[in-house]
């Protein structure tokens, strides 16, 4: 991991993901997964680009199979987005940085605090 993304596990899951008010992107990955290695640099870039707007976490599915099972992660990489403890969306498989950014921007713009007040 880097200083931009946070490694999470069973013990830190609730604190780092479910009890966080901001948007959280969790990368479900494993050491042996080729596509996971392929998107890892993109995930780190996104963590830097969206710092202060979104938290980026990484969860090793081999070390935390119960969390992968709880969120029905059948294939990796899977990126799951949460806000206020609620699962918002899921991206399964490797995608381009542009595709990830479109998803993130869409979720950020749908955040309650991102909506402008009615005039």
PDB file of N, CA and C in Angstrom:
ATOM      1  N   UNK A   1       0.843  -1.174   0.000  1.00  0.00           N
ATOM      2  CA  UNK A   1       0.000   0.000   0.000  1.00  0.00           C
ATOM      3  C   UNK A   1       0.894   1.245   0.000  1.00  0.00           C
ATOM      4  N   UNK A   2       0.273   2.366  -0.207  1.00  0.00           N
ATOM      5  CA  UNK A   2       0.999   3.627  -0.148  1.00  0.00           C
ATOM      6  C   UNK A   2       0.410   4.462   0.977  1.00  0.00           C
ATOM      7  N   UNK A   3       0.889   5.680   1.086  1.00  0.00           N
ATOM      8  CA  UNK A   3       0.319   6.558   2.104  1.00  0.00           C
ATOM      9  C   UNK A   3      -1.047   7.086   1.652  1.00  0.00           C
ATOM     10  N   UNK A   4      -1.397   6.871   0.389  1.00  0.00           N
ATOM     11  CA  UNK A   4      -2.659   7.385  -0.137  1.00  0.00           C
ATOM     12  C   UNK A   4      -3.816   6.403   0.060  1.00  0.00           C
ATOM     13  N   UNK A   5      -3.536   5.108   0.021  1.00  0.00           N
ATOM     14  CA  UNK A   5      -4.595   4.120   0.228  1.00  0.00           C
ATOM     15  C   UNK A   5      -4.362   3.435   1.575  1.00  0.00           C
ATOM     16  N   UNK A   6      -5.440   2.890   2.103  1.00  0.00           N
ATOM     17  CA  UNK A   6      -5.403   2.288   3.434  1.00  0.00           C
ATOM     18  C   UNK A   6      -5.700   0.797   3.312  1.00  0.00           C
ATOM     19  N   UNK A   7      -4.821  -0.029   3.864  1.00  0.00           N
ATOM     20  CA  UNK A   7      -5.083  -1.466   3.912  1.00  0.00           C
ATOM     21  C   UNK A   7      -6.121  -1.716   5.000  1.00  0.00           C
ATOM     22  N   UNK A   8      -7.186  -2.431   4.655  1.00  0.00           N
ATOM     23  CA  UNK A   8      -8.207  -2.755   5.643  1.00  0.00           C
ATOM     24  C   UNK A   8      -8.315  -4.261   5.789  1.00  0.00           C
ATOM     25  N   UNK A   9      -8.818  -4.675   6.950  1.00  0.00           N
ATOM     26  CA  UNK A   9      -9.034  -6.083   7.234  1.00  0.00           C
ATOM     27  C   UNK A   9     -10.269  -6.201   8.109  1.00  0.00           C
ATOM     28  N   UNK A  10     -10.523  -7.400   8.628  1.00  0.00           N
ATOM     29  CA  UNK A  10     -11.716  -7.614   9.462  1.00  0.00           C
ATOM     30  C   UNK A  10     -11.776  -6.651  10.647  1.00  0.00           C
ATOM     31  N   UNK A  11     -10.628  -6.389  11.270  1.00  0.00           N
ATOM     32  CA  UNK A  11     -10.603  -5.552  12.464  1.00  0.00           C
ATOM     33  C   UNK A  11     -10.858  -4.074  12.153  1.00  0.00           C
ATOM     34  N   UNK A  12     -10.356  -3.583  11.028  1.00  0.00           N
ATOM     35  CA  UNK A  12     -10.476  -2.153  10.727  1.00  0.00           C
ATOM     36  C   UNK A  12     -11.648  -1.817   9.792  1.00  0.00           C
ATOM     37  N   UNK A  13     -12.338  -2.832   9.296  1.00  0.00           N
ATOM     38  CA  UNK A  13     -13.397  -2.629   8.303  1.00  0.00           C
ATOM     39  C   UNK A  13     -14.461  -1.629   8.753  1.00  0.00           C
ATOM     40  N   UNK A  14     -15.046  -1.852   9.927  1.00  0.00           N
ATOM     41  CA  UNK A  14     -16.126  -0.973  10.385  1.00  0.00           C
ATOM     42  C   UNK A  14     -15.653   0.468  10.512  1.00  0.00           C
ATOM     43  N   UNK A  15     -14.500   0.665  11.132  1.00  0.00           N
ATOM     44  CA  UNK A  15     -13.983   2.012  11.357  1.00  0.00           C
ATOM     45  C   UNK A  15     -13.614   2.703  10.052  1.00  0.00           C
ATOM     46  N   UNK A  16     -12.881   2.023   9.196  1.00  0.00           N
ATOM     47  CA  UNK A  16     -12.360   2.648   7.981  1.00  0.00           C
ATOM     48  C   UNK A  16     -13.381   2.747   6.846  1.00  0.00           C
ATOM     49  N   UNK A  17     -14.348   1.830   6.815  1.00  0.00           N
ATOM     50  CA  UNK A  17     -15.289   1.805   5.692  1.00  0.00           C
ATOM     51  C   UNK A  17     -16.709   2.162   6.136  1.00  0.00           C
ATOM     52  N   UNK A  18     -17.281   1.379   7.025  1.00  0.00           N
ATOM     53  CA  UNK A  18     -18.702   1.539   7.343  1.00  0.00           C
ATOM     54  C   UNK A  18     -19.024   2.784   8.159  1.00  0.00           C
ATOM     55  N   UNK A  19     -18.102   3.245   8.987  1.00  0.00           N
ATOM     56  CA  UNK A  19     -18.367   4.424   9.823  1.00  0.00           C
ATOM     57  C   UNK A  19     -17.839   5.721   9.205  1.00  0.00           C
ATOM     58  N   UNK A  20     -17.503   5.674   7.934  1.00  0.00           N
ATOM     59  CA  UNK A  20     -16.978   6.846   7.244  1.00  0.00           C
ATOM     60  C   UNK A  20     -18.102   7.544   6.489  1.00  0.00           C
ATOM     61  N   UNK A  21     -18.224   8.852   6.682  1.00  0.00           N
ATOM     62  CA  UNK A  21     -19.284   9.636   6.033  1.00  0.00           C
ATOM     63  C   UNK A  21     -18.983   9.887   4.562  1.00  0.00           C
ATOM     64  N   UNK A  22     -17.691  10.073   4.229  1.00  0.00           N
ATOM     65  CA  UNK A  22     -17.326  10.377   2.843  1.00  0.00           C
ATOM     66  C   UNK A  22     -17.405   9.123   1.974  1.00  0.00           C
ATOM     67  N   UNK A  23     -17.266   9.325   0.681  1.00  0.00           N
ATOM     68  CA  UNK A  23     -17.245   8.211  -0.265  1.00  0.00           C
ATOM     69  C   UNK A  23     -16.005   7.371  -0.003  1.00  0.00           C
ATOM     70  N   UNK A  24     -16.184   6.043   0.021  1.00  0.00           N
ATOM     71  CA  UNK A  24     -15.069   5.108   0.214  1.00  0.00           C
ATOM     72  C   UNK A  24     -15.068   4.131  -0.958  1.00  0.00           C
ATOM     73  N   UNK A  25     -13.905   3.992  -1.594  1.00  0.00           N
ATOM     74  CA  UNK A  25     -13.732   3.002  -2.653  1.00  0.00           C
ATOM     75  C   UNK A  25     -12.854   1.894  -2.086  1.00  0.00           C
ATOM     76  N   UNK A  26     -13.368   0.663  -2.093  1.00  0.00           N
ATOM     77  CA  UNK A  26     -12.609  -0.475  -1.579  1.00  0.00           C
ATOM     78  C   UNK A  26     -12.218  -1.371  -2.752  1.00  0.00           C
ATOM     79  N   UNK A  27     -10.918  -1.590  -2.882  1.00  0.00           N
ATOM     80  CA  UNK A  27     -10.377  -2.469  -3.909  1.00  0.00           C
ATOM     81  C   UNK A  27     -10.194  -3.853  -3.299  1.00  0.00           C
ATOM     82  N   UNK A  28     -11.029  -4.808  -3.726  1.00  0.00           N
ATOM     83  CA  UNK A  28     -10.900  -6.205  -3.294  1.00  0.00           C
ATOM     84  C   UNK A  28      -9.914  -6.860  -4.256  1.00  0.00           C
ATOM     85  N   UNK A  29      -8.787  -7.358  -3.742  1.00  0.00           N
ATOM     86  CA  UNK A  29      -7.699  -7.860  -4.578  1.00  0.00           C
ATOM     87  C   UNK A  29      -7.017  -9.045  -3.919  1.00  0.00           C
ATOM     88  N   UNK A  30      -6.082  -9.657  -4.647  1.00  0.00           N
ATOM     89  CA  UNK A  30      -5.232 -10.723  -4.101  1.00  0.00           C
ATOM     90  C   UNK A  30      -3.862 -10.641  -4.778  1.00  0.00           C
ATOM     91  N   UNK A  31      -2.848 -11.131  -4.089  1.00  0.00           N
ATOM     92  CA  UNK A  31      -1.466 -11.070  -4.563  1.00  0.00           C
ATOM     93  C   UNK A  31      -1.292 -11.773  -5.905  1.00  0.00           C
ATOM     94  N   UNK A  32      -1.967 -12.902  -6.096  1.00  0.00           N
ATOM     95  CA  UNK A  32      -1.797 -13.728  -7.291  1.00  0.00           C
ATOM     96  C   UNK A  32      -2.594 -13.242  -8.494  1.00  0.00           C
ATOM     97  N   UNK A  33      -3.411 -12.229  -8.334  1.00  0.00           N
ATOM     98  CA  UNK A  33      -4.357 -11.773  -9.363  1.00  0.00           C
ATOM     99  C   UNK A  33      -3.695 -10.806 -10.346  1.00  0.00           C
ATOM    100  N   UNK A  34      -3.531 -11.251 -11.585  1.00  0.00           N
ATOM    101  CA  UNK A  34      -2.926 -10.421 -12.629  1.00  0.00           C
ATOM    102  C   UNK A  34      -3.674  -9.126 -12.896  1.00  0.00           C
ATOM    103  N   UNK A  35      -4.990  -9.181 -13.128  1.00  0.00           N
ATOM    104  CA  UNK A  35      -5.732  -7.940 -13.354  1.00  0.00           C
ATOM    105  C   UNK A  35      -5.680  -6.984 -12.149  1.00  0.00           C
ATOM    106  N   UNK A  36      -5.579  -7.541 -10.941  1.00  0.00           N
ATOM    107  CA  UNK A  36      -5.453  -6.700  -9.740  1.00  0.00           C
ATOM    108  C   UNK A  36      -4.142  -5.902  -9.803  1.00  0.00           C
ATOM    109  N   UNK A  37      -3.073  -6.583 -10.207  1.00  0.00           N
ATOM    110  CA  UNK A  37      -1.772  -5.918 -10.334  1.00  0.00           C
ATOM    111  C   UNK A  37      -1.830  -4.850 -11.422  1.00  0.00           C
ATOM    112  N   UNK A  38      -2.610  -5.131 -12.458  1.00  0.00           N
ATOM    113  CA  UNK A  38      -2.727  -4.203 -13.571  1.00  0.00           C
ATOM    114  C   UNK A  38      -3.405  -2.893 -13.144  1.00  0.00           C
ATOM    115  N   UNK A  39      -4.436  -2.978 -12.308  1.00  0.00           N
ATOM    116  CA  UNK A  39      -5.145  -1.754 -11.925  1.00  0.00           C
ATOM    117  C   UNK A  39      -4.581  -1.110 -10.659  1.00  0.00           C
ATOM    118  N   UNK A  40      -3.681  -1.794  -9.950  1.00  0.00           N
ATOM    119  CA  UNK A  40      -3.133  -1.248  -8.694  1.00  0.00           C
ATOM    120  C   UNK A  40      -2.556   0.158  -8.863  1.00  0.00           C
ATOM    121  N   UNK A  41      -1.758   0.425  -9.903  1.00  0.00           N
ATOM    122  CA  UNK A  41      -1.240   1.791 -10.056  1.00  0.00           C
ATOM    123  C   UNK A  41      -2.346   2.816 -10.312  1.00  0.00           C
ATOM    124  N   UNK A  42      -3.398   2.400 -11.014  1.00  0.00           N
ATOM    125  CA  UNK A  42      -4.532   3.295 -11.272  1.00  0.00           C
ATOM    126  C   UNK A  42      -5.241   3.618  -9.969  1.00  0.00           C
ATOM    127  N   UNK A  43      -5.449   2.597  -9.131  1.00  0.00           N
ATOM    128  CA  UNK A  43      -6.107   2.802  -7.837  1.00  0.00           C
ATOM    129  C   UNK A  43      -5.300   3.794  -6.995  1.00  0.00           C
ATOM    130  N   UNK A  44      -3.972   3.654  -7.001  1.00  0.00           N
ATOM    131  CA  UNK A  44      -3.119   4.576  -6.246  1.00  0.00           C
ATOM    132  C   UNK A  44      -3.197   6.000  -6.802  1.00  0.00           C
ATOM    133  N   UNK A  45      -3.218   6.123  -8.134  1.00  0.00           N
ATOM    134  CA  UNK A  45      -3.348   7.452  -8.747  1.00  0.00           C
ATOM    135  C   UNK A  45      -4.669   8.093  -8.344  1.00  0.00           C
ATOM    136  N   UNK A  46      -5.741   7.308  -8.379  1.00  0.00           N
ATOM    137  CA  UNK A  46      -7.054   7.821  -7.991  1.00  0.00           C
ATOM    138  C   UNK A  46      -7.063   8.245  -6.527  1.00  0.00           C
ATOM    139  N   UNK A  47      -6.390   7.470  -5.681  1.00  0.00           N
ATOM    140  CA  UNK A  47      -6.312   7.816  -4.257  1.00  0.00           C
ATOM    141  C   UNK A  47      -5.671   9.188  -4.087  1.00  0.00           C
ATOM    142  N   UNK A  48      -4.650   9.464  -4.868  1.00  0.00           N
ATOM    143  CA  UNK A  48      -3.991  10.770  -4.806  1.00  0.00           C
ATOM    144  C   UNK A  48      -4.858  11.878  -5.383  1.00  0.00           C
ATOM    145  N   UNK A  49      -5.461  11.622  -6.532  1.00  0.00           N
ATOM    146  CA  UNK A  49      -6.265  12.636  -7.212  1.00  0.00           C
ATOM    147  C   UNK A  49      -7.519  13.016  -6.431  1.00  0.00           C
ATOM    148  N   UNK A  50      -8.081  12.059  -5.720  1.00  0.00           N
ATOM    149  CA  UNK A  50      -9.333  12.314  -4.993  1.00  0.00           C
ATOM    150  C   UNK A  50      -9.117  12.470  -3.487  1.00  0.00           C
ATOM    151  N   UNK A  51      -7.874  12.657  -3.080  1.00  0.00           N
ATOM    152  CA  UNK A  51      -7.568  12.828  -1.656  1.00  0.00           C
ATOM    153  C   UNK A  51      -8.364  14.009  -1.116  1.00  0.00           C
ATOM    154  N   UNK A  52      -9.026  13.810   0.010  1.00  0.00           N
ATOM    155  CA  UNK A  52      -9.861  14.856   0.591  1.00  0.00           C
ATOM    156  C   UNK A  52     -11.310  14.780   0.123  1.00  0.00           C
ATOM    157  N   UNK A  53     -11.562  14.040  -0.956  1.00  0.00           N
ATOM    158  CA  UNK A  53     -12.926  13.884  -1.473  1.00  0.00           C
ATOM    159  C   UNK A  53     -13.426  12.465  -1.304  1.00  0.00           C
ATOM    160  N   UNK A  54     -12.484  11.517  -1.264  1.00  0.00           N
ATOM    161  CA  UNK A  54     -12.830  10.099  -1.204  1.00  0.00           C
ATOM    162  C   UNK A  54     -11.707   9.347  -0.504  1.00  0.00           C
ATOM    163  N   UNK A  55     -12.076   8.350   0.267  1.00  0.00           N
ATOM    164  CA  UNK A  55     -11.094   7.472   0.911  1.00  0.00           C
ATOM    165  C   UNK A  55     -10.936   6.229   0.038  1.00  0.00           C
ATOM    166  N   UNK A  56      -9.688   5.771  -0.125  1.00  0.00           N
ATOM    167  CA  UNK A  56      -9.417   4.566  -0.912  1.00  0.00           C
ATOM    168  C   UNK A  56      -8.825   3.510   0.012  1.00  0.00           C
ATOM    169  N   UNK A  57      -9.473   2.341   0.035  1.00  0.00           N
ATOM    170  CA  UNK A  57      -9.027   1.228   0.867  1.00  0.00           C
ATOM    171  C   UNK A  57      -8.761   0.019  -0.019  1.00  0.00           C
ATOM    172  N   UNK A  58      -7.870  -0.849   0.455  1.00  0.00           N
ATOM    173  CA  UNK A  58      -7.555  -2.089  -0.262  1.00  0.00           C
ATOM    174  C   UNK A  58      -7.738  -3.259   0.700  1.00  0.00           C
ATOM    175  N   UNK A  59      -8.461  -4.277   0.234  1.00  0.00           N
ATOM    176  CA  UNK A  59      -8.733  -5.440   1.064  1.00  0.00           C
ATOM    177  C   UNK A  59      -8.238  -6.694   0.353  1.00  0.00           C
ATOM    178  N   UNK A  60      -7.306  -7.388   0.984  1.00  0.00           N
ATOM    179  CA  UNK A  60      -6.780  -8.636   0.434  1.00  0.00           C
ATOM    180  C   UNK A  60      -7.814  -9.728   0.693  1.00  0.00           C
ATOM    181  N   UNK A  61      -8.384 -10.276  -0.390  1.00  0.00           N
ATOM    182  CA  UNK A  61      -9.463 -11.264  -0.243  1.00  0.00           C
ATOM    183  C   UNK A  61      -8.969 -12.602   0.291  1.00  0.00           C
ATOM    184  N   UNK A  62      -7.701 -12.928   0.064  1.00  0.00           N
ATOM    185  CA  UNK A  62      -7.165 -14.184   0.606  1.00  0.00           C
ATOM    186  C   UNK A  62      -7.064 -14.122   2.119  1.00  0.00           C
ATOM    187  N   UNK A  63      -6.746 -12.949   2.645  1.00  0.00           N
ATOM    188  CA  UNK A  63      -6.588 -12.783   4.094  1.00  0.00           C
ATOM    189  C   UNK A  63      -7.904 -12.459   4.792  1.00  0.00           C
ATOM    190  N   UNK A  64      -8.914 -12.032   4.037  1.00  0.00           N
ATOM    191  CA  UNK A  64     -10.210 -11.632   4.607  1.00  0.00           C
ATOM    192  C   UNK A  64     -11.363 -12.195   3.784  1.00  0.00           C
ATOM    193  N   UNK A  65     -11.434 -13.534   3.657  1.00  0.00           N
ATOM    194  CA  UNK A  65     -12.457 -14.132   2.785  1.00  0.00           C
ATOM    195  C   UNK A  65     -13.885 -13.869   3.256  1.00  0.00           C
ATOM    196  N   UNK A  66     -14.087 -13.692   4.561  1.00  0.00           N
ATOM    197  CA  UNK A  66     -15.447 -13.471   5.048  1.00  0.00           C
ATOM    198  C   UNK A  66     -16.011 -12.132   4.576  1.00  0.00           C
ATOM    199  N   UNK A  67     -15.158 -11.104   4.465  1.00  0.00           N
ATOM    200  CA  UNK A  67     -15.640  -9.821   3.953  1.00  0.00           C
ATOM    201  C   UNK A  67     -15.938  -9.914   2.463  1.00  0.00           C
ATOM    202  N   UNK A  68     -15.093 -10.611   1.731  1.00  0.00           N
ATOM    203  CA  UNK A  68     -15.345 -10.813   0.305  1.00  0.00           C
ATOM    204  C   UNK A  68     -16.673 -11.557   0.118  1.00  0.00           C
ATOM    205  N   UNK A  69     -16.906 -12.541   0.937  1.00  0.00           N
ATOM    206  CA  UNK A  69     -18.139 -13.316   0.865  1.00  0.00           C
ATOM    207  C   UNK A  69     -19.348 -12.459   1.240  1.00  0.00           C
ATOM    208  N   UNK A  70     -19.217 -11.657   2.299  1.00  0.00           N
ATOM    209  CA  UNK A  70     -20.329 -10.813   2.758  1.00  0.00           C
ATOM    210  C   UNK A  70     -20.813  -9.884   1.644  1.00  0.00           C
ATOM    211  N   UNK A  71     -19.883  -9.368   0.829  1.00  0.00           N
ATOM    212  CA  UNK A  71     -20.238  -8.441  -0.238  1.00  0.00           C
ATOM    213  C   UNK A  71     -20.311  -9.122  -1.606  1.00  0.00           C
ATOM    214  N   UNK A  72     -20.393 -10.449  -1.587  1.00  0.00           N
ATOM    215  CA  UNK A  72     -20.587 -11.266  -2.787  1.00  0.00           C
ATOM    216  C   UNK A  72     -19.573 -10.957  -3.880  1.00  0.00           C
ATOM    217  N   UNK A  73     -18.311 -10.863  -3.456  1.00  0.00           N
ATOM    218  CA  UNK A  73     -17.225 -10.659  -4.406  1.00  0.00           C
ATOM    219  C   UNK A  73     -16.888 -12.032  -4.986  1.00  0.00           C
ATOM    220  N   UNK A  74     -17.290 -12.254  -6.225  1.00  0.00           N
ATOM    221  CA  UNK A  74     -17.095 -13.546  -6.887  1.00  0.00           C
ATOM    222  C   UNK A  74     -15.848 -13.562  -7.755  1.00  0.00           C
ATOM    223  N   UNK A  75     -15.426 -12.392  -8.199  1.00  0.00           N
ATOM    224  CA  UNK A  75     -14.235 -12.265  -9.027  1.00  0.00           C
ATOM    225  C   UNK A  75     -13.468 -11.029  -8.619  1.00  0.00           C
ATOM    226  N   UNK A  76     -12.172 -11.068  -8.822  1.00  0.00           N
ATOM    227  CA  UNK A  76     -11.362  -9.909  -8.486  1.00  0.00           C
ATOM    228  C   UNK A  76     -10.554  -9.498  -9.714  1.00  0.00           C
ATOM    229  N   UNK A  77     -10.240  -8.230  -9.842  1.00  0.00           N
ATOM    230  CA  UNK A  77     -10.525  -7.162  -8.885  1.00  0.00           C
ATOM    231  C   UNK A  77     -12.008  -6.775  -8.898  1.00  0.00           C
ATOM    232  N   UNK A  78     -12.493  -6.386  -7.738  1.00  0.00           N
ATOM    233  CA  UNK A  78     -13.814  -5.790  -7.593  1.00  0.00           C
ATOM    234  C   UNK A  78     -13.634  -4.528  -6.762  1.00  0.00           C
ATOM    235  N   UNK A  79     -14.153  -3.429  -7.246  1.00  0.00           N
ATOM    236  CA  UNK A  79     -14.127  -2.174  -6.498  1.00  0.00           C
ATOM    237  C   UNK A  79     -15.545  -1.890  -6.048  1.00  0.00           C
ATOM    238  N   UNK A  80     -15.712  -1.712  -4.749  1.00  0.00           N
ATOM    239  CA  UNK A  80     -17.038  -1.433  -4.192  1.00  0.00           C
ATOM    240  C   UNK A  80     -16.998  -0.054  -3.547  1.00  0.00           C
ATOM    241  N   UNK A  81     -18.045   0.710  -3.796  1.00  0.00           N
ATOM    242  CA  UNK A  81     -18.149   2.074  -3.278  1.00  0.00           C
ATOM    243  C   UNK A  81     -19.176   2.127  -2.153  1.00  0.00           C
ATOM    244  N   UNK A  82     -18.785   2.769  -1.053  1.00  0.00           N
ATOM    245  CA  UNK A  82     -19.637   2.913   0.125  1.00  0.00           C
ATOM    246  C   UNK A  82     -19.725   4.385   0.513  1.00  0.00           C
ATOM    247  N   UNK A  83     -20.822   4.747   1.167  1.00  0.00           N
ATOM    248  CA  UNK A  83     -20.934   6.046   1.836  1.00  0.00           C
ATOM    249  C   UNK A  83     -21.879   5.852   3.008  1.00  0.00           C
ATOM    250  N   UNK A  84     -21.484   6.339   4.165  1.00  0.00           N
ATOM    251  CA  UNK A  84     -22.308   6.212   5.381  1.00  0.00           C
ATOM    252  C   UNK A  84     -22.687   4.760   5.663  1.00  0.00           C
ATOM    253  N   UNK A  85     -21.762   3.829   5.378  1.00  0.00           N
ATOM    254  CA  UNK A  85     -22.004   2.425   5.663  1.00  0.00           C
ATOM    255  C   UNK A  85     -22.873   1.704   4.649  1.00  0.00           C
ATOM    256  N   UNK A  86     -23.297   2.409   3.608  1.00  0.00           N
ATOM    257  CA  UNK A  86     -24.164   1.808   2.602  1.00  0.00           C
ATOM    258  C   UNK A  86     -23.378   1.511   1.328  1.00  0.00           C
ATOM    259  N   UNK A  87     -23.615   0.330   0.766  1.00  0.00           N
ATOM    260  CA  UNK A  87     -23.014  -0.033  -0.507  1.00  0.00           C
ATOM    261  C   UNK A  87     -23.739   0.750  -1.599  1.00  0.00           C
ATOM    262  N   UNK A  88     -22.981   1.522  -2.377  1.00  0.00           N
ATOM    263  CA  UNK A  88     -23.574   2.351  -3.423  1.00  0.00           C
ATOM    264  C   UNK A  88     -23.471   1.726  -4.802  1.00  0.00           C
ATOM    265  N   UNK A  89     -22.301   1.148  -5.089  1.00  0.00           N
ATOM    266  CA  UNK A  89     -22.075   0.625  -6.436  1.00  0.00           C
ATOM    267  C   UNK A  89     -20.890  -0.320  -6.420  1.00  0.00           C
ATOM    268  N   UNK A  90     -20.730  -1.044  -7.532  1.00  0.00           N
ATOM    269  CA  UNK A  90     -19.684  -2.060  -7.621  1.00  0.00           C
ATOM    270  C   UNK A  90     -19.173  -2.100  -9.059  1.00  0.00           C
ATOM    271  N   UNK A  91     -17.860  -2.209  -9.205  1.00  0.00           N
ATOM    272  CA  UNK A  91     -17.246  -2.401 -10.527  1.00  0.00           C
ATOM    273  C   UNK A  91     -16.456  -3.700 -10.448  1.00  0.00           C
ATOM    274  N   UNK A  92     -16.800  -4.666 -11.290  1.00  0.00           N
ATOM    275  CA  UNK A  92     -16.128  -5.960 -11.286  1.00  0.00           C
ATOM    276  C   UNK A  92     -15.207  -6.043 -12.500  1.00  0.00           C
ATOM    277  N   UNK A  93     -13.956  -6.412 -12.234  1.00  0.00           N
ATOM    278  CA  UNK A  93     -12.992  -6.567 -13.309  1.00  0.00           C
ATOM    279  C   UNK A  93     -12.155  -5.321 -13.521  1.00  0.00           C
ATOM    280  N   UNK A  94     -11.100  -5.499 -14.292  1.00  0.00           N
ATOM    281  CA  UNK A  94     -10.212  -4.382 -14.603  1.00  0.00           C
ATOM    282  C   UNK A  94     -10.937  -3.416 -15.530  1.00  0.00           C
ATOM    283  N   UNK A  95     -10.744  -2.143 -15.294  1.00  0.00           N
ATOM    284  CA  UNK A  95     -11.329  -1.104 -16.146  1.00  0.00           C
ATOM    285  C   UNK A  95     -10.268  -0.024 -16.329  1.00  0.00           C
ATOM    286  N   UNK A  96     -10.542   0.898 -17.215  1.00  0.00           N
ATOM    287  CA  UNK A  96      -9.591   1.975 -17.463  1.00  0.00           C
ATOM    288  C   UNK A  96      -9.732   3.050 -16.383  1.00  0.00           C
ATOM    289  N   UNK A  97      -8.701   3.857 -16.266  1.00  0.00           N
ATOM    290  CA  UNK A  97      -8.747   4.965 -15.310  1.00  0.00           C
ATOM    291  C   UNK A  97      -9.925   5.873 -15.628  1.00  0.00           C
ATOM    292  N   UNK A  98     -10.165   6.103 -16.921  1.00  0.00           N
ATOM    293  CA  UNK A  98     -11.284   6.954 -17.335  1.00  0.00           C
ATOM    294  C   UNK A  98     -12.616   6.381 -16.841  1.00  0.00           C
ATOM    295  N   UNK A  99     -12.800   5.073 -16.966  1.00  0.00           N
ATOM    296  CA  UNK A  99     -14.045   4.452 -16.508  1.00  0.00           C
ATOM    297  C   UNK A  99     -14.207   4.584 -14.989  1.00  0.00           C
ATOM    298  N   UNK A 100     -13.101   4.373 -14.254  1.00  0.00           N
ATOM    299  CA  UNK A 100     -13.173   4.530 -12.798  1.00  0.00           C
ATOM    300  C   UNK A 100     -13.499   5.973 -12.422  1.00  0.00           C
ATOM    301  N   UNK A 101     -12.860   6.931 -13.097  1.00  0.00           N
ATOM    302  CA  UNK A 101     -13.094   8.350 -12.800  1.00  0.00           C
ATOM    303  C   UNK A 101     -14.550   8.727 -13.070  1.00  0.00           C
ATOM    304  N   UNK A 102     -15.119   8.217 -14.155  1.00  0.00           N
ATOM    305  CA  UNK A 102     -16.525   8.511 -14.460  1.00  0.00           C
ATOM    306  C   UNK A 102     -17.431   8.004 -13.344  1.00  0.00           C
ATOM    307  N   UNK A 103     -17.155   6.803 -12.856  1.00  0.00           N
ATOM    308  CA  UNK A 103     -17.950   6.233 -11.760  1.00  0.00           C
ATOM    309  C   UNK A 103     -17.801   7.079 -10.497  1.00  0.00           C
ATOM    310  N   UNK A 104     -16.552   7.409 -10.145  1.00  0.00           N
ATOM    311  CA  UNK A 104     -16.283   8.198  -8.937  1.00  0.00           C
ATOM    312  C   UNK A 104     -16.943   9.568  -9.034  1.00  0.00           C
ATOM    313  N   UNK A 105     -16.765  10.245 -10.172  1.00  0.00           N
ATOM    314  CA  UNK A 105     -17.347  11.582 -10.332  1.00  0.00           C
ATOM    315  C   UNK A 105     -18.862  11.533 -10.227  1.00  0.00           C
ATOM    316  N   UNK A 106     -19.462  10.496 -10.792  1.00  0.00           N
ATOM    317  CA  UNK A 106     -20.911  10.329 -10.704  1.00  0.00           C
ATOM    318  C   UNK A 106     -21.353  10.159  -9.248  1.00  0.00           C
ATOM    319  N   UNK A 107     -20.639   9.328  -8.498  1.00  0.00           N
ATOM    320  CA  UNK A 107     -20.991   9.101  -7.092  1.00  0.00           C
ATOM    321  C   UNK A 107     -20.737  10.345  -6.238  1.00  0.00           C
ATOM    322  N   UNK A 108     -19.659  11.059  -6.516  1.00  0.00           N
ATOM    323  CA  UNK A 108     -19.378  12.285  -5.762  1.00  0.00           C
ATOM    324  C   UNK A 108     -20.429  13.350  -6.040  1.00  0.00           C
ATOM    325  N   UNK A 109     -20.882  13.441  -7.279  1.00  0.00           N
ATOM    326  CA  UNK A 109     -21.874  14.469  -7.619  1.00  0.00           C
ATOM    327  C   UNK A 109     -23.252  14.123  -7.061  1.00  0.00           C
ATOM    328  N   UNK A 110     -23.459  12.852  -6.704  1.00  0.00           N
ATOM    329  CA  UNK A 110     -24.747  12.459  -6.132  1.00  0.00           C
ATOM    330  C   UNK A 110     -24.749  12.536  -4.609  1.00  0.00           C
ATOM    331  N   UNK A 111     -23.610  12.949  -4.031  1.00  0.00           N
ATOM    332  CA  UNK A 111     -23.529  13.071  -2.573  1.00  0.00           C
ATOM    333  C   UNK A 111     -24.424  14.218  -2.106  1.00  0.00           C
ATOM    334  N   UNK A 112     -25.084  14.062  -0.969  1.00  0.00           N
ATOM    335  CA  UNK A 112     -25.977  15.111  -0.479  1.00  0.00           C
ATOM    336  C   UNK A 112     -25.295  16.478  -0.384  1.00  0.00           C
ATOM    337  N   UNK A 113     -24.037  16.493   0.071  1.00  0.00           N
ATOM    338  CA  UNK A 113     -23.346  17.772   0.232  1.00  0.00           C
ATOM    339  C   UNK A 113     -22.920  18.380  -1.103  1.00  0.00           C
ATOM    340  N   UNK A 114     -22.943  17.577  -2.175  1.00  0.00           N
ATOM    341  CA  UNK A 114     -22.541  18.080  -3.492  1.00  0.00           C
ATOM    342  C   UNK A 114     -23.705  18.761  -4.206  1.00  0.00           C
ATOM    343  N   UNK A 115     -24.929  18.506  -3.760  1.00  0.00           N
ATOM    344  CA  UNK A 115     -26.091  19.109  -4.403  1.00  0.00           C
ATOM    345  C   UNK A 115     -26.209  20.571  -3.973  1.00  0.00           C
ATOM    346  N   UNK A 116     -26.495  21.413  -4.930  1.00  0.00           N
ATOM    347  CA  UNK A 116     -26.655  22.823  -4.569  1.00  0.00           C
ATOM    348  C   UNK A 116     -28.057  23.027  -3.975  1.00  0.00           C
ATOM    349  N   UNK A 117     -28.138  23.910  -3.012  1.00  0.00           N
ATOM    350  CA  UNK A 117     -29.451  24.141  -2.386  1.00  0.00           C
ATOM    351  C   UNK A 117     -30.422  24.749  -3.384  1.00  0.00           C
ATOM    352  N   UNK A 118     -31.691  24.410  -3.206  1.00  0.00           N
ATOM    353  CA  UNK A 118     -32.730  24.968  -4.083  1.00  0.00           C
ATOM    354  C   UNK A 118     -32.854  26.457  -3.811  1.00  0.00           C
ATOM    355  N   UNK A 119     -33.035  27.215  -4.886  1.00  0.00           N
ATOM    356  CA  UNK A 119     -33.142  28.678  -4.684  1.00  0.00           C
ATOM    357  C   UNK A 119     -34.564  29.139  -4.738  1.00  0.00           C
TER     358      UNK A 119
END
